[in-house]
Amino acid sequence: MNLKIKFHTKQFNPEELKNLYIPPPDSHKGMSGKLTIIGGSHLFHGASLWALKIASRIVDMVFYSSVEENNAIAQKLKEQFFDCIVVPRENVEEYIKQSDAVLIGPGLTREDGKSQDEEPTRELTHRLLEKFPNKKWVIDAGSLQTMDPEWLKQLHGNAIVTPHDKEFENLFDIVIASTFDKLSVNSAKPGTIRYLAKQSQEILNQVRNDKKEIASPTCLSSRRAPSLRSVRSRNDIVSRVAREYNCVILFKGEKDVVCSPTECVEVAGGNAGMTKGGTGDVLAGLVAALSCKNDVFLAAKAGSFINKKAGDNLFRKVGPYFNASDLCDEIPKVLKELIIIQ
């Protein structure tokens, strides 16, 4: 890795939304994309269904694969408003082959929550990523929480991961304070990101220039590396992680940070109403749907912006008193406003 590369974080420009795929007037079935969603469990029912609800508004077909009881719910719901095919988990590979992109993880459990008849999330995720390395993948929630980040390197730059701060810490073994006031690197994975942070004189010099008190270089072999201050440092680290693992990272927060191996943007917006359960699942479904017909970096940053814009529209109408279903209903209006009607 070239540690001398300098990453400059830009603010997302809504003009980029014009680059999103818009179905032409003479479209026929399948031209707007096909998406497979793998999620849900005996413990978590709603997460994958929220992702399904928003994705079905954007792509031509969603193949939805969950546990039997969630499949039954989706089968019932599709009679009302979902355009999807419900797929038994054991047959999902045949539908992945037909899909432009795959979303895996919403509603999947970690090891301590799975039912005896569910394939462990880690094994399911690894098996499918390994078998379909050339697909576009959006990796969220349960899959994100149980995977090995090294798997991302085999996906040819076509993977999007969607962590909040704690998920980022656990996946990449990096500690980022939730307030973003400091950033430190854990030493549990020598030779990877800890090495990058130790060697990056750009970051260390920035901290010194900011007159942040920092430990002497001799402490770099201790259990924790020096603290690094400021949002700028956070964005720099997220950029380097994206480059190291050749993936797109949609780092969720008060300001989302979306980084590819070569670019990094911040997406402002959002409000207290978007802390509700399910809003992250809506975002994952939106990003996955956009990935079907668009570059993964564009899909991630556009999805972040559209999701926040929809939440802000709702906040102006009802304050923080909206939920994930309301968000699903608002997003198509935002898409029409920002993309179709220019």
Protein backbone atom coordinates (compact mmCIF):
# COMPACT_ATOMS: atom_id res chain seq x y z
CA MET A 1 0.00 0.00 0.00
CA ASN A 2 1.13 3.53 -0.80
CA LEU A 3 0.95 5.34 2.52
CA LYS A 4 1.83 8.67 0.94
CA ILE A 5 -1.51 9.01 -0.82
CA LYS A 6 -3.41 12.01 0.55
CA PHE A 7 -7.16 11.72 0.86
CA HIS A 8 -9.24 14.88 0.73
CA THR A 9 -12.79 14.49 2.00
CA LYS A 10 -15.36 16.37 -0.05
CA GLN A 11 -18.96 17.14 0.72
CA PHE A 12 -21.38 15.13 -1.40
CA ASN A 13 -22.63 17.13 -4.37
CA PRO A 14 -26.33 16.44 -5.12
CA GLU A 15 -25.56 17.08 -8.80
CA GLU A 16 -24.04 13.58 -8.78
CA LEU A 17 -27.56 12.17 -8.50
CA LYS A 18 -27.96 12.98 -12.20
CA ASN A 19 -25.53 10.15 -12.88
CA LEU A 20 -27.89 7.54 -11.41
CA TYR A 21 -29.60 5.15 -13.78
CA ILE A 22 -33.11 6.22 -14.76
CA PRO A 23 -35.31 3.67 -16.56
CA PRO A 24 -35.88 4.84 -20.15
CA PRO A 25 -39.44 5.18 -21.50
CA ASP A 26 -39.09 1.98 -23.55
CA SER A 27 -37.91 -0.13 -20.59
CA HIS A 28 -38.90 -3.75 -20.37
CA LYS A 29 -38.89 -6.14 -17.43
CA GLY A 30 -35.45 -6.70 -15.99
CA MET A 31 -33.82 -3.52 -17.28
CA SER A 32 -34.01 -1.82 -13.87
CA GLY A 33 -32.15 -4.63 -12.17
CA LYS A 34 -32.59 -7.73 -10.08
CA LEU A 35 -31.60 -7.92 -6.42
CA THR A 36 -31.29 -10.81 -3.99
CA ILE A 37 -31.88 -10.06 -0.29
CA ILE A 38 -30.65 -12.61 2.25
CA GLY A 39 -31.67 -11.73 5.78
CA GLY A 40 -34.09 -12.16 8.60
CA SER A 41 -34.15 -14.83 11.28
CA HIS A 42 -36.40 -16.40 13.87
CA LEU A 43 -35.31 -13.59 16.19
CA PHE A 44 -35.42 -10.57 13.84
CA HIS A 45 -38.34 -10.31 11.44
CA GLY A 46 -38.70 -6.69 10.36
CA ALA A 47 -35.18 -5.80 9.25
CA SER A 48 -35.03 -7.67 5.95
CA LEU A 49 -38.65 -6.78 5.18
CA TRP A 50 -37.90 -3.04 5.40
CA ALA A 51 -34.99 -3.59 3.01
CA LEU A 52 -37.35 -5.52 0.73
CA LYS A 53 -40.00 -2.81 0.87
CA ILE A 54 -37.73 -0.02 -0.35
CA ALA A 55 -35.84 -2.16 -2.87
CA SER A 56 -39.08 -3.27 -4.51
CA ARG A 57 -39.79 0.39 -5.35
CA ILE A 58 -36.56 0.70 -7.35
CA VAL A 59 -35.56 -2.55 -9.07
CA ASP A 60 -37.69 -4.75 -11.31
CA MET A 61 -37.37 -7.87 -9.20
CA VAL A 62 -36.32 -8.75 -5.68
CA PHE A 63 -35.51 -12.32 -4.75
CA TYR A 64 -36.15 -12.51 -1.03
CA SER A 65 -34.62 -15.33 1.01
CA SER A 66 -35.13 -15.77 4.73
CA VAL A 67 -36.16 -18.36 7.28
CA GLU A 68 -39.47 -20.12 6.73
CA GLU A 69 -41.62 -17.87 8.93
CA ASN A 70 -40.24 -14.68 7.36
CA ASN A 71 -40.75 -16.14 3.90
CA ALA A 72 -44.38 -16.75 4.84
CA ILE A 73 -44.75 -13.12 5.96
CA ALA A 74 -43.20 -11.85 2.74
CA GLN A 75 -45.43 -14.15 0.70
CA LYS A 76 -48.48 -12.64 2.39
CA LEU A 77 -47.22 -9.07 2.05
CA LYS A 78 -46.42 -9.42 -1.65
CA GLU A 79 -50.13 -9.90 -2.28
CA GLN A 80 -50.54 -6.28 -1.15
CA PHE A 81 -47.58 -4.26 -2.37
CA PHE A 82 -44.30 -6.14 -2.81
CA ASP A 83 -42.97 -7.24 -6.18
CA CYS A 84 -40.75 -10.10 -5.12
CA ILE A 85 -40.13 -13.80 -5.41
CA VAL A 86 -39.82 -15.59 -2.09
CA VAL A 87 -36.88 -18.02 -2.23
CA PRO A 88 -36.14 -20.83 0.24
CA ARG A 89 -32.67 -20.41 1.69
CA GLU A 90 -31.50 -23.71 0.24
CA ASN A 91 -32.25 -22.48 -3.30
CA VAL A 92 -30.83 -18.98 -3.00
CA GLU A 93 -27.70 -19.63 -5.07
CA GLU A 94 -29.75 -20.09 -8.24
CA TYR A 95 -31.25 -16.63 -7.76
CA ILE A 96 -27.95 -14.97 -6.91
CA LYS A 97 -26.74 -16.10 -10.34
CA GLN A 98 -29.57 -14.06 -11.92
CA SER A 99 -29.06 -10.98 -9.76
CA ASP A 100 -27.15 -7.79 -10.43
CA ALA A 101 -26.44 -7.29 -6.72
CA VAL A 102 -26.91 -9.06 -3.39
CA LEU A 103 -27.75 -7.63 0.03
CA ILE A 104 -26.81 -9.92 2.91
CA GLY A 105 -27.13 -9.38 6.64
CA PRO A 106 -30.21 -7.39 7.69
CA GLY A 107 -31.91 -9.37 10.43
CA LEU A 108 -29.34 -12.17 10.44
CA THR A 109 -28.27 -13.06 13.95
CA ARG A 110 -24.88 -13.35 15.54
CA GLU A 111 -23.88 -16.72 16.96
CA ASP A 112 -25.65 -16.18 20.28
CA GLY A 113 -29.09 -15.69 18.74
CA LYS A 114 -29.47 -18.23 15.97
CA SER A 115 -31.99 -21.03 15.92
CA GLN A 116 -30.78 -24.61 15.60
CA ASP A 117 -32.14 -24.92 12.05
CA GLU A 118 -30.39 -21.76 10.78
CA GLU A 119 -26.99 -21.89 9.13
CA PRO A 120 -24.64 -19.77 11.26
CA THR A 121 -24.39 -16.27 9.83
CA ARG A 122 -20.61 -16.32 9.54
CA GLU A 123 -20.61 -19.60 7.60
CA LEU A 124 -23.50 -18.52 5.36
CA THR A 125 -21.81 -15.21 4.57
CA HIS A 126 -18.41 -16.73 3.87
CA ARG A 127 -19.84 -19.50 1.70
CA LEU A 128 -21.77 -17.13 -0.54
CA LEU A 129 -19.09 -14.43 -0.81
CA GLU A 130 -16.56 -17.09 -1.74
CA LYS A 131 -18.84 -18.68 -4.34
CA PHE A 132 -19.90 -15.40 -5.99
CA PRO A 133 -16.88 -13.06 -5.77
CA ASN A 134 -17.82 -11.19 -8.95
CA LYS A 135 -21.25 -10.04 -7.76
CA LYS A 136 -21.92 -6.64 -6.26
CA TRP A 137 -22.39 -7.15 -2.52
CA VAL A 138 -23.88 -4.94 0.17
CA ILE A 139 -22.89 -6.41 3.54
CA ASP A 140 -24.89 -5.21 6.50
CA ALA A 141 -25.80 -5.94 10.13
CA GLY A 142 -25.44 -9.63 11.10
CA SER A 143 -23.11 -10.52 8.24
CA LEU A 144 -21.02 -7.42 8.90
CA GLN A 145 -20.79 -8.28 12.58
CA THR A 146 -19.53 -11.83 12.06
CA MET A 147 -17.38 -11.72 8.92
CA ASP A 148 -13.61 -11.58 8.51
CA PRO A 149 -12.57 -8.35 6.75
CA GLU A 150 -10.02 -10.29 4.71
CA TRP A 151 -12.93 -11.73 2.71
CA LEU A 152 -13.49 -8.26 1.22
CA LYS A 153 -10.21 -8.44 -0.66
CA GLN A 154 -11.57 -11.25 -2.85
CA LEU A 155 -14.58 -9.26 -4.08
CA HIS A 156 -12.83 -7.17 -6.76
CA GLY A 157 -13.80 -3.80 -5.30
CA ASN A 158 -17.53 -4.49 -5.70
CA ALA A 159 -18.45 -4.74 -2.00
CA ILE A 160 -20.12 -2.09 0.16
CA VAL A 161 -20.04 -2.43 3.94
CA THR A 162 -22.37 -0.30 6.05
CA PRO A 163 -21.03 -0.05 9.61
CA HIS A 164 -21.83 2.37 12.38
CA ASP A 165 -18.94 3.22 14.68
CA LYS A 166 -19.07 0.10 16.87
CA GLU A 167 -19.43 -2.23 13.89
CA PHE A 168 -16.46 -0.50 12.25
CA GLU A 169 -14.40 -0.99 15.41
CA ASN A 170 -15.24 -4.67 15.65
CA LEU A 171 -14.81 -5.47 11.96
CA PHE A 172 -11.52 -3.67 11.35
CA ASP A 173 -10.17 -3.75 14.92
CA ILE A 174 -10.00 0.03 15.08
CA VAL A 175 -11.46 2.11 17.89
CA ILE A 176 -13.22 5.33 16.87
CA ALA A 177 -14.80 7.36 19.66
CA SER A 178 -18.53 7.75 19.03
CA THR A 179 -18.18 11.51 19.47
CA PHE A 180 -15.43 11.53 16.81
CA ASP A 181 -13.29 13.60 19.17
CA LYS A 182 -10.49 11.04 19.02
CA LEU A 183 -9.42 8.01 17.09
CA SER A 184 -7.08 5.27 18.19
CA VAL A 185 -5.88 2.02 16.72
CA ASN A 186 -5.95 -1.29 18.56
CA SER A 187 -2.89 -3.48 18.23
CA ALA A 188 -4.71 -6.79 17.92
CA LYS A 189 -3.98 -7.09 14.18
CA PRO A 190 -0.29 -6.35 13.63
CA GLY A 191 0.64 -5.78 10.03
CA THR A 192 -2.70 -4.31 8.95
CA ILE A 193 -4.38 -1.09 10.02
CA ARG A 194 -2.35 -0.63 13.21
CA TYR A 195 0.74 -0.69 11.02
CA LEU A 196 -0.77 1.93 8.73
CA ALA A 197 -1.57 4.26 11.60
CA LYS A 198 1.89 3.84 13.11
CA GLN A 199 3.64 4.54 9.85
CA SER A 200 1.43 7.38 8.66
CA GLN A 201 3.46 10.47 9.47
CA GLU A 202 0.79 12.56 7.79
CA ILE A 203 -1.70 11.75 10.52
CA LEU A 204 0.79 11.98 13.36
CA ASN A 205 2.09 15.30 12.07
CA GLN A 206 -1.45 16.60 11.79
CA VAL A 207 -2.08 15.73 15.42
CA ARG A 208 1.13 17.47 16.47
CA ASN A 209 0.26 20.51 14.39
CA ASP A 210 -3.09 20.66 16.12
CA LYS A 211 -1.12 20.79 19.39
CA LYS A 212 -2.75 17.61 20.59
CA GLU A 213 -0.83 15.96 23.40
CA ILE A 214 0.55 12.73 22.02
CA ALA A 215 2.59 9.93 23.50
CA SER A 216 6.20 9.52 22.44
CA PRO A 217 7.03 7.19 19.50
CA THR A 218 8.33 4.59 21.94
CA CYS A 219 4.77 3.89 23.05
CA LEU A 220 3.84 2.59 19.60
CA SER A 221 4.65 -0.94 20.68
CA SER A 222 2.27 -0.71 23.63
CA ARG A 223 -1.23 -2.11 23.64
CA ARG A 224 -2.81 1.04 22.24
CA ALA A 225 -1.45 3.50 19.74
CA PRO A 226 -1.59 7.27 20.35
CA SER A 227 -4.94 8.98 20.19
CA LEU A 228 -5.63 10.88 17.00
CA ARG A 229 -7.86 13.93 17.10
CA SER A 230 -10.52 15.39 14.78
CA VAL A 231 -13.02 14.35 12.16
CA ARG A 232 -10.31 14.85 9.55
CA SER A 233 -8.27 12.08 11.13
CA ARG A 234 -11.30 9.81 11.26
CA ASN A 235 -11.99 10.31 7.57
CA ASP A 236 -8.35 9.68 6.75
CA ILE A 237 -8.41 6.35 8.57
CA VAL A 238 -11.71 5.26 6.97
CA SER A 239 -10.23 6.11 3.57
CA ARG A 240 -7.16 4.02 4.27
CA VAL A 241 -9.26 1.09 5.45
CA ALA A 242 -11.29 1.24 2.24
CA ARG A 243 -8.06 1.19 0.26
CA GLU A 244 -6.53 -1.62 2.31
CA TYR A 245 -9.57 -3.88 1.85
CA ASN A 246 -10.52 -2.67 -1.65
CA CYS A 247 -14.12 -1.93 -0.77
CA VAL A 248 -16.58 0.90 -0.31
CA ILE A 249 -17.33 1.86 3.29
CA LEU A 250 -20.54 3.68 4.18
CA PHE A 251 -19.69 4.75 7.72
CA LYS A 252 -22.99 5.73 9.34
CA GLY A 253 -23.13 8.63 11.76
CA GLU A 254 -24.38 12.16 12.29
CA LYS A 255 -22.51 12.80 9.07
CA ASP A 256 -22.12 9.69 6.98
CA VAL A 257 -18.64 9.14 5.56
CA VAL A 258 -18.55 7.22 2.29
CA CYS A 259 -15.13 6.09 1.08
CA SER A 260 -13.92 4.11 -1.89
CA PRO A 261 -10.28 3.05 -2.26
CA THR A 262 -9.57 6.38 -3.97
CA GLU A 263 -12.22 8.90 -2.84
CA CYS A 264 -14.01 9.98 0.31
CA VAL A 265 -17.12 12.13 0.76
CA GLU A 266 -19.16 13.32 3.72
CA VAL A 267 -22.95 13.32 3.58
CA ALA A 268 -24.66 15.71 5.97
CA GLY A 269 -28.29 15.60 7.09
CA GLY A 270 -30.45 13.36 9.17
CA ASN A 271 -32.14 13.97 12.50
CA ALA A 272 -33.24 12.41 15.78
CA GLY A 273 -36.12 10.56 14.12
CA MET A 274 -33.65 8.41 12.21
CA THR A 275 -32.44 6.64 15.32
CA LYS A 276 -35.49 4.39 15.12
CA GLY A 277 -35.02 0.69 14.56
CA GLY A 278 -35.16 -0.26 10.91
CA THR A 279 -33.88 2.97 9.37
CA GLY A 280 -30.47 1.36 8.79
CA ASP A 281 -32.17 -1.58 7.09
CA VAL A 282 -33.99 0.84 4.79
CA LEU A 283 -30.64 2.42 3.93
CA ALA A 284 -29.11 -0.98 3.18
CA GLY A 285 -32.01 -1.90 0.91
CA LEU A 286 -31.82 1.44 -0.86
CA VAL A 287 -28.07 1.21 -1.46
CA ALA A 288 -28.35 -2.38 -2.64
CA ALA A 289 -31.13 -1.50 -5.07
CA LEU A 290 -29.15 1.42 -6.49
CA SER A 291 -26.11 -0.85 -6.84
CA CYS A 292 -27.94 -3.02 -9.35
CA LYS A 293 -27.59 -0.45 -12.14
CA ASN A 294 -24.90 1.89 -10.82
CA ASP A 295 -21.29 1.96 -9.70
CA VAL A 296 -21.06 0.85 -6.07
CA PHE A 297 -19.44 4.07 -4.84
CA LEU A 298 -22.12 6.19 -6.49
CA ALA A 299 -24.82 3.88 -5.09
CA ALA A 300 -23.45 4.20 -1.54
CA LYS A 301 -23.06 7.98 -1.44
CA ALA A 302 -26.31 8.64 -3.34
CA GLY A 303 -28.18 6.21 -1.10
CA SER A 304 -26.84 7.94 2.00
CA PHE A 305 -27.91 11.35 0.70
CA ILE A 306 -31.39 10.22 -0.43
CA ASN A 307 -32.03 8.43 2.86
CA LYS A 308 -31.09 11.50 4.90
CA LYS A 309 -33.09 13.80 2.63
CA ALA A 310 -36.18 11.62 3.11
CA GLY A 311 -35.68 11.69 6.87
CA ASP A 312 -35.33 15.46 6.87
CA ASN A 313 -38.52 15.83 4.80
CA LEU A 314 -40.38 13.73 7.35
CA PHE A 315 -38.90 15.71 10.24
CA ARG A 316 -40.27 18.94 8.79
CA LYS A 317 -43.73 17.36 8.63
CA VAL A 318 -43.97 15.42 11.89
CA GLY A 319 -40.82 16.10 13.87
CA PRO A 320 -39.01 12.96 15.06
CA TYR A 321 -42.28 10.97 15.16
CA PHE A 322 -41.79 8.74 12.13
CA ASN A 323 -40.56 5.20 11.62
CA ALA A 324 -38.84 3.00 9.05
CA SER A 325 -42.05 2.37 7.13
CA ASP A 326 -42.59 6.13 6.80
CA LEU A 327 -39.05 6.42 5.48
CA CYS A 328 -39.76 3.76 2.84
CA ASP A 329 -42.80 5.74 1.69
CA GLU A 330 -40.91 9.04 1.55
CA ILE A 331 -37.88 7.87 -0.41
CA PRO A 332 -39.71 7.43 -3.76
CA LYS A 333 -40.92 11.03 -3.46
CA VAL A 334 -37.35 12.17 -2.92
CA LEU A 335 -36.17 10.13 -5.90
CA LYS A 336 -38.76 11.79 -8.10
CA GLU A 337 -37.89 15.25 -6.78
CA LEU A 338 -34.13 14.94 -7.07
CA ILE A 339 -33.61 12.63 -10.03
CA ILE A 340 -36.57 12.47 -12.37
CA ILE A 341 -37.62 16.12 -12.05
CA GLN A 342 -34.57 18.34 -12.48
